[in-house]
Amino acid sequence: MALLVSFLILGGCGRFAVDGAADAGGGVTLQNKGSDTIVNLAQQAMLVTLLTAAPMLLSGMLIGLLISIFQSVTQIQEITLTFVPKIVVVLVAFVVFLPWMIGVVMGFVQPLIGNFNELVL
């Protein structure tokens, strides 16, 4: 989470819409061709990856923390007790956040495909 906050504070992704929908000027900005465009696209790709993975990672981390607190309070040290709830919670988070994750990825990919001729030529 700190990585995401520092990324956004330090300049982040330009005009990329975080909610998956492109803003009025388009989602991916292509100011100059060359290394600036490549760096901009790489930053946006990392942000999209971080945003799409965050719901599953955070839910798994939260349930792991709750289970470890439960284990320390009850002194039950069963190894398999952590795996099954984590798998279930991560699967549920994936199903619940899938429409949002698709929107984020499509908000990144659609302007790339639309500006493909500018990127290649």
N, C-alpha and C. Protein backbone atom coordinates (compact mmCIF):
# COMPACT_ATOMS: atom_id res chain seq x y z
N MET A 1 0.82 -1.19 0.00
CA MET A 1 0.00 0.00 0.00
C MET A 1 0.87 1.25 0.00
N ALA A 2 1.96 1.21 0.76
CA ALA A 2 2.86 2.36 0.79
C ALA A 2 3.48 2.59 -0.57
N LEU A 3 3.75 1.50 -1.29
CA LEU A 3 4.31 1.62 -2.64
C LEU A 3 3.34 2.33 -3.57
N LEU A 4 2.06 1.99 -3.48
CA LEU A 4 1.05 2.62 -4.31
C LEU A 4 0.92 4.11 -3.98
N VAL A 5 0.90 4.45 -2.70
CA VAL A 5 0.77 5.85 -2.29
C VAL A 5 1.98 6.65 -2.74
N SER A 6 3.19 6.11 -2.54
CA SER A 6 4.39 6.84 -2.96
C SER A 6 4.44 6.97 -4.48
N PHE A 7 3.96 5.95 -5.20
CA PHE A 7 3.93 6.01 -6.66
C PHE A 7 3.02 7.14 -7.12
N LEU A 8 1.85 7.26 -6.50
CA LEU A 8 0.91 8.30 -6.90
C LEU A 8 1.39 9.68 -6.50
N ILE A 9 2.06 9.81 -5.35
CA ILE A 9 2.55 11.11 -4.89
C ILE A 9 3.71 11.59 -5.76
N LEU A 10 4.59 10.68 -6.16
CA LEU A 10 5.79 11.07 -6.90
C LEU A 10 5.59 11.25 -8.39
N GLY A 11 4.39 11.27 -8.85
CA GLY A 11 4.18 11.55 -10.26
C GLY A 11 3.32 10.53 -10.94
N GLY A 12 3.39 9.35 -10.47
CA GLY A 12 2.48 8.29 -10.86
C GLY A 12 2.26 8.12 -12.33
N CYS A 13 1.02 8.10 -12.70
CA CYS A 13 0.66 7.58 -14.01
C CYS A 13 0.05 8.64 -14.91
N GLY A 14 0.29 9.88 -14.68
CA GLY A 14 -0.22 10.89 -15.60
C GLY A 14 -1.73 10.98 -15.54
N ARG A 15 -2.37 10.79 -16.71
CA ARG A 15 -3.82 10.96 -16.78
C ARG A 15 -4.54 9.63 -16.83
N PHE A 16 -3.92 8.56 -16.37
CA PHE A 16 -4.56 7.24 -16.38
C PHE A 16 -5.67 7.22 -15.36
N ALA A 17 -6.86 6.79 -15.76
CA ALA A 17 -8.01 6.75 -14.86
C ALA A 17 -7.93 5.50 -13.99
N VAL A 18 -7.91 5.67 -12.68
CA VAL A 18 -7.74 4.55 -11.76
C VAL A 18 -8.99 3.67 -11.72
N ASP A 19 -10.16 4.24 -11.96
CA ASP A 19 -11.38 3.45 -11.86
C ASP A 19 -11.65 2.62 -13.10
N GLY A 20 -10.75 2.61 -14.04
CA GLY A 20 -10.92 1.76 -15.21
C GLY A 20 -11.51 2.47 -16.41
N ALA A 21 -12.10 3.61 -16.20
CA ALA A 21 -12.68 4.36 -17.31
C ALA A 21 -11.71 5.48 -17.70
N ALA A 22 -11.54 5.66 -18.97
CA ALA A 22 -10.64 6.72 -19.42
C ALA A 22 -11.29 8.07 -19.17
N ASP A 23 -10.46 9.05 -18.80
CA ASP A 23 -10.99 10.39 -18.57
C ASP A 23 -11.24 11.06 -19.92
N ALA A 24 -11.56 12.36 -19.90
CA ALA A 24 -11.96 13.05 -21.11
C ALA A 24 -10.87 13.08 -22.17
N GLY A 25 -9.61 13.09 -21.73
CA GLY A 25 -8.52 13.16 -22.69
C GLY A 25 -8.00 11.82 -23.13
N GLY A 26 -8.54 10.74 -22.67
CA GLY A 26 -8.03 9.41 -23.01
C GLY A 26 -7.26 8.83 -21.85
N GLY A 27 -7.16 7.56 -21.79
CA GLY A 27 -6.53 6.89 -20.67
C GLY A 27 -5.01 6.91 -20.72
N VAL A 28 -4.43 6.56 -21.84
CA VAL A 28 -2.99 6.50 -21.96
C VAL A 28 -2.53 7.73 -22.71
N THR A 29 -1.61 8.48 -22.13
CA THR A 29 -1.13 9.69 -22.77
C THR A 29 0.15 9.38 -23.53
N LEU A 30 0.26 9.93 -24.71
CA LEU A 30 1.44 9.73 -25.55
C LEU A 30 1.99 11.09 -25.94
N GLN A 31 2.69 11.76 -24.98
CA GLN A 31 3.20 13.09 -25.28
C GLN A 31 4.32 13.04 -26.31
N ASN A 32 5.39 12.29 -26.04
CA ASN A 32 6.52 12.18 -26.95
C ASN A 32 6.73 10.72 -27.28
N LYS A 33 7.27 10.51 -28.45
CA LYS A 33 7.66 9.15 -28.78
C LYS A 33 9.04 8.91 -28.19
N GLY A 34 9.37 7.65 -28.01
CA GLY A 34 10.70 7.33 -27.52
C GLY A 34 10.66 6.80 -26.11
N SER A 35 11.73 7.11 -25.38
CA SER A 35 11.88 6.53 -24.05
C SER A 35 10.85 7.07 -23.06
N ASP A 36 10.38 8.31 -23.25
CA ASP A 36 9.37 8.84 -22.34
C ASP A 36 8.07 8.04 -22.44
N THR A 37 7.69 7.68 -23.65
CA THR A 37 6.48 6.88 -23.84
C THR A 37 6.64 5.51 -23.24
N ILE A 38 7.80 4.92 -23.42
CA ILE A 38 8.04 3.58 -22.86
C ILE A 38 8.01 3.61 -21.35
N VAL A 39 8.64 4.61 -20.75
CA VAL A 39 8.63 4.74 -19.29
C VAL A 39 7.22 4.99 -18.78
N ASN A 40 6.47 5.83 -19.48
CA ASN A 40 5.09 6.12 -19.08
C ASN A 40 4.23 4.86 -19.15
N LEU A 41 4.36 4.10 -20.23
CA LEU A 41 3.60 2.86 -20.37
C LEU A 41 4.01 1.83 -19.32
N ALA A 42 5.29 1.77 -19.00
CA ALA A 42 5.76 0.83 -17.98
C ALA A 42 5.21 1.21 -16.61
N GLN A 43 5.19 2.51 -16.29
CA GLN A 43 4.62 2.96 -15.02
C GLN A 43 3.15 2.61 -14.94
N GLN A 44 2.43 2.86 -16.01
CA GLN A 44 1.00 2.56 -16.02
C GLN A 44 0.74 1.06 -15.94
N ALA A 45 1.57 0.26 -16.59
CA ALA A 45 1.41 -1.19 -16.53
C ALA A 45 1.66 -1.70 -15.12
N MET A 46 2.66 -1.16 -14.44
CA MET A 46 2.93 -1.56 -13.05
C MET A 46 1.78 -1.16 -12.14
N LEU A 47 1.22 0.02 -12.36
CA LEU A 47 0.10 0.46 -11.54
C LEU A 47 -1.12 -0.42 -11.77
N VAL A 48 -1.39 -0.76 -13.01
CA VAL A 48 -2.53 -1.64 -13.32
C VAL A 48 -2.32 -3.01 -12.67
N THR A 49 -1.11 -3.52 -12.74
CA THR A 49 -0.81 -4.81 -12.10
C THR A 49 -1.01 -4.73 -10.60
N LEU A 50 -0.53 -3.67 -9.99
CA LEU A 50 -0.68 -3.49 -8.54
C LEU A 50 -2.15 -3.35 -8.16
N LEU A 51 -2.91 -2.60 -8.94
CA LEU A 51 -4.33 -2.41 -8.62
C LEU A 51 -5.14 -3.69 -8.80
N THR A 52 -4.83 -4.46 -9.83
CA THR A 52 -5.61 -5.68 -10.05
C THR A 52 -5.25 -6.78 -9.06
N ALA A 53 -4.04 -6.77 -8.55
CA ALA A 53 -3.65 -7.80 -7.58
C ALA A 53 -4.00 -7.41 -6.16
N ALA A 54 -4.20 -6.14 -5.89
CA ALA A 54 -4.40 -5.65 -4.53
C ALA A 54 -5.59 -6.27 -3.79
N PRO A 55 -6.76 -6.42 -4.39
CA PRO A 55 -7.87 -7.00 -3.62
C PRO A 55 -7.59 -8.40 -3.09
N MET A 56 -6.99 -9.25 -3.90
CA MET A 56 -6.69 -10.61 -3.44
C MET A 56 -5.57 -10.62 -2.42
N LEU A 57 -4.54 -9.82 -2.67
CA LEU A 57 -3.41 -9.78 -1.74
C LEU A 57 -3.83 -9.22 -0.38
N LEU A 58 -4.59 -8.14 -0.40
CA LEU A 58 -5.01 -7.53 0.88
C LEU A 58 -5.99 -8.41 1.64
N SER A 59 -6.89 -9.08 0.94
CA SER A 59 -7.83 -9.96 1.64
C SER A 59 -7.10 -11.17 2.22
N GLY A 60 -6.14 -11.73 1.48
CA GLY A 60 -5.35 -12.83 2.01
C GLY A 60 -4.51 -12.42 3.20
N MET A 61 -3.95 -11.22 3.13
CA MET A 61 -3.15 -10.73 4.25
C MET A 61 -4.01 -10.49 5.48
N LEU A 62 -5.20 -9.93 5.28
CA LEU A 62 -6.09 -9.65 6.40
C LEU A 62 -6.57 -10.94 7.07
N ILE A 63 -6.98 -11.92 6.29
CA ILE A 63 -7.46 -13.17 6.88
C ILE A 63 -6.30 -13.91 7.53
N GLY A 64 -5.10 -13.82 6.98
CA GLY A 64 -3.92 -14.42 7.61
C GLY A 64 -3.62 -13.79 8.96
N LEU A 65 -3.77 -12.47 9.03
CA LEU A 65 -3.55 -11.78 10.30
C LEU A 65 -4.60 -12.19 11.34
N LEU A 66 -5.85 -12.26 10.92
CA LEU A 66 -6.91 -12.66 11.84
C LEU A 66 -6.73 -14.10 12.32
N ILE A 67 -6.33 -14.98 11.43
CA ILE A 67 -6.12 -16.38 11.83
C ILE A 67 -4.93 -16.50 12.76
N SER A 68 -3.86 -15.74 12.49
CA SER A 68 -2.70 -15.81 13.38
C SER A 68 -3.02 -15.26 14.76
N ILE A 69 -3.85 -14.22 14.83
CA ILE A 69 -4.28 -13.73 16.14
C ILE A 69 -5.12 -14.78 16.85
N PHE A 70 -6.03 -15.43 16.12
CA PHE A 70 -6.83 -16.51 16.70
C PHE A 70 -5.96 -17.66 17.18
N GLN A 71 -4.94 -18.03 16.41
CA GLN A 71 -4.06 -19.11 16.81
C GLN A 71 -3.24 -18.76 18.04
N SER A 72 -2.79 -17.52 18.13
CA SER A 72 -2.00 -17.14 19.30
C SER A 72 -2.85 -17.03 20.55
N VAL A 73 -4.10 -16.62 20.41
CA VAL A 73 -4.99 -16.52 21.57
C VAL A 73 -5.40 -17.91 22.07
N THR A 74 -5.73 -18.80 21.15
CA THR A 74 -6.20 -20.13 21.55
C THR A 74 -5.08 -21.15 21.66
N GLN A 75 -3.87 -20.79 21.26
CA GLN A 75 -2.69 -21.66 21.28
C GLN A 75 -2.90 -22.92 20.43
N ILE A 76 -3.69 -22.78 19.38
CA ILE A 76 -3.84 -23.86 18.39
C ILE A 76 -2.80 -23.60 17.31
N GLN A 77 -1.87 -24.50 17.15
CA GLN A 77 -0.80 -24.31 16.17
C GLN A 77 -0.93 -25.29 15.02
N GLU A 78 -2.08 -25.34 14.44
CA GLU A 78 -2.33 -26.22 13.29
C GLU A 78 -1.91 -25.50 12.01
N ILE A 79 -1.02 -26.09 11.26
CA ILE A 79 -0.48 -25.46 10.06
C ILE A 79 -1.54 -25.30 8.98
N THR A 80 -2.37 -26.32 8.81
CA THR A 80 -3.36 -26.27 7.73
C THR A 80 -4.52 -25.34 8.02
N LEU A 81 -4.63 -24.86 9.24
CA LEU A 81 -5.73 -23.96 9.60
C LEU A 81 -5.66 -22.65 8.82
N THR A 82 -4.48 -22.22 8.42
CA THR A 82 -4.36 -20.94 7.70
C THR A 82 -4.65 -21.07 6.21
N PHE A 83 -4.38 -22.22 5.62
CA PHE A 83 -4.45 -22.34 4.16
C PHE A 83 -5.87 -22.33 3.62
N VAL A 84 -6.75 -23.11 4.18
CA VAL A 84 -8.10 -23.24 3.63
C VAL A 84 -8.87 -21.92 3.69
N PRO A 85 -8.90 -21.22 4.84
CA PRO A 85 -9.61 -19.93 4.84
C PRO A 85 -8.99 -18.90 3.89
N LYS A 86 -7.66 -18.90 3.77
CA LYS A 86 -7.02 -17.96 2.85
C LYS A 86 -7.44 -18.25 1.40
N ILE A 87 -7.44 -19.51 1.04
CA ILE A 87 -7.83 -19.87 -0.33
C ILE A 87 -9.27 -19.46 -0.61
N VAL A 88 -10.15 -19.71 0.35
CA VAL A 88 -11.56 -19.36 0.17
C VAL A 88 -11.73 -17.85 0.07
N VAL A 89 -11.08 -17.10 0.95
CA VAL A 89 -11.24 -15.64 0.96
C VAL A 89 -10.65 -15.02 -0.30
N VAL A 90 -9.50 -15.52 -0.75
CA VAL A 90 -8.91 -14.99 -1.98
C VAL A 90 -9.79 -15.30 -3.18
N LEU A 91 -10.38 -16.48 -3.23
CA LEU A 91 -11.29 -16.83 -4.31
C LEU A 91 -12.54 -15.94 -4.30
N VAL A 92 -13.09 -15.71 -3.11
CA VAL A 92 -14.26 -14.83 -3.00
C VAL A 92 -13.90 -13.40 -3.41
N ALA A 93 -12.73 -12.92 -2.99
CA ALA A 93 -12.30 -11.57 -3.37
C ALA A 93 -12.12 -11.47 -4.88
N PHE A 94 -11.60 -12.54 -5.49
CA PHE A 94 -11.43 -12.55 -6.93
C PHE A 94 -12.78 -12.44 -7.64
N VAL A 95 -13.75 -13.21 -7.19
CA VAL A 95 -15.08 -13.19 -7.82
C VAL A 95 -15.76 -11.85 -7.61
N VAL A 96 -15.65 -11.28 -6.41
CA VAL A 96 -16.32 -10.02 -6.10
C VAL A 96 -15.69 -8.86 -6.87
N PHE A 97 -14.36 -8.81 -6.93
CA PHE A 97 -13.67 -7.69 -7.56
C PHE A 97 -13.38 -7.89 -9.04
N LEU A 98 -13.78 -9.02 -9.63
CA LEU A 98 -13.49 -9.29 -11.03
C LEU A 98 -14.04 -8.22 -11.98
N PRO A 99 -15.27 -7.75 -11.84
CA PRO A 99 -15.74 -6.69 -12.77
C PRO A 99 -14.89 -5.41 -12.67
N TRP A 100 -14.50 -5.04 -11.46
CA TRP A 100 -13.68 -3.85 -11.28
C TRP A 100 -12.29 -4.06 -11.89
N MET A 101 -11.72 -5.25 -11.69
CA MET A 101 -10.39 -5.54 -12.24
C MET A 101 -10.42 -5.54 -13.76
N ILE A 102 -11.48 -6.07 -14.34
CA ILE A 102 -11.61 -6.05 -15.80
C ILE A 102 -11.71 -4.61 -16.29
N GLY A 103 -12.43 -3.76 -15.56
CA GLY A 103 -12.53 -2.36 -15.94
C GLY A 103 -11.19 -1.65 -15.90
N VAL A 104 -10.39 -1.95 -14.89
CA VAL A 104 -9.06 -1.32 -14.78
C VAL A 104 -8.17 -1.77 -15.93
N VAL A 105 -8.16 -3.06 -16.21
CA VAL A 105 -7.31 -3.58 -17.29
C VAL A 105 -7.79 -3.05 -18.64
N MET A 106 -9.10 -3.04 -18.85
CA MET A 106 -9.61 -2.53 -20.13
C MET A 106 -9.37 -1.04 -20.28
N GLY A 107 -9.41 -0.29 -19.18
CA GLY A 107 -9.09 1.14 -19.24
C GLY A 107 -7.65 1.39 -19.64
N PHE A 108 -6.78 0.44 -19.38
CA PHE A 108 -5.39 0.55 -19.80
C PHE A 108 -5.18 0.05 -21.23
N VAL A 109 -5.83 -1.05 -21.59
CA VAL A 109 -5.57 -1.71 -22.87
C VAL A 109 -6.27 -1.02 -24.03
N GLN A 110 -7.48 -0.55 -23.85
CA GLN A 110 -8.23 0.05 -24.97
C GLN A 110 -7.52 1.25 -25.57
N PRO A 111 -7.02 2.22 -24.79
CA PRO A 111 -6.26 3.31 -25.43
C PRO A 111 -4.97 2.83 -26.09
N LEU A 112 -4.36 1.78 -25.55
CA LEU A 112 -3.15 1.25 -26.20
C LEU A 112 -3.48 0.70 -27.58
N ILE A 113 -4.56 -0.05 -27.67
CA ILE A 113 -4.95 -0.60 -28.97
C ILE A 113 -5.40 0.52 -29.90
N GLY A 114 -6.09 1.52 -29.38
CA GLY A 114 -6.53 2.63 -30.20
C GLY A 114 -5.39 3.47 -30.74
N ASN A 115 -4.30 3.58 -29.98
CA ASN A 115 -3.14 4.38 -30.39
C ASN A 115 -2.00 3.51 -30.87
N PHE A 116 -2.30 2.30 -31.32
CA PHE A 116 -1.25 1.37 -31.71
C PHE A 116 -0.41 1.90 -32.84
N ASN A 117 -1.03 2.56 -33.80
CA ASN A 117 -0.26 3.09 -34.94
C ASN A 117 0.69 4.20 -34.49
N GLU A 118 0.35 4.98 -33.50
CA GLU A 118 1.25 6.02 -32.99
C GLU A 118 2.40 5.42 -32.21
N LEU A 119 2.14 4.30 -31.54
CA LEU A 119 3.20 3.66 -30.75
C LEU A 119 4.23 2.98 -31.64
N VAL A 120 3.76 2.34 -32.70
CA VAL A 120 4.65 1.55 -33.55
C VAL A 120 5.38 2.44 -34.56
N LEU A 121 4.68 3.37 -35.15
CA LEU A 121 5.29 4.20 -36.21
C LEU A 121 6.06 5.36 -35.69
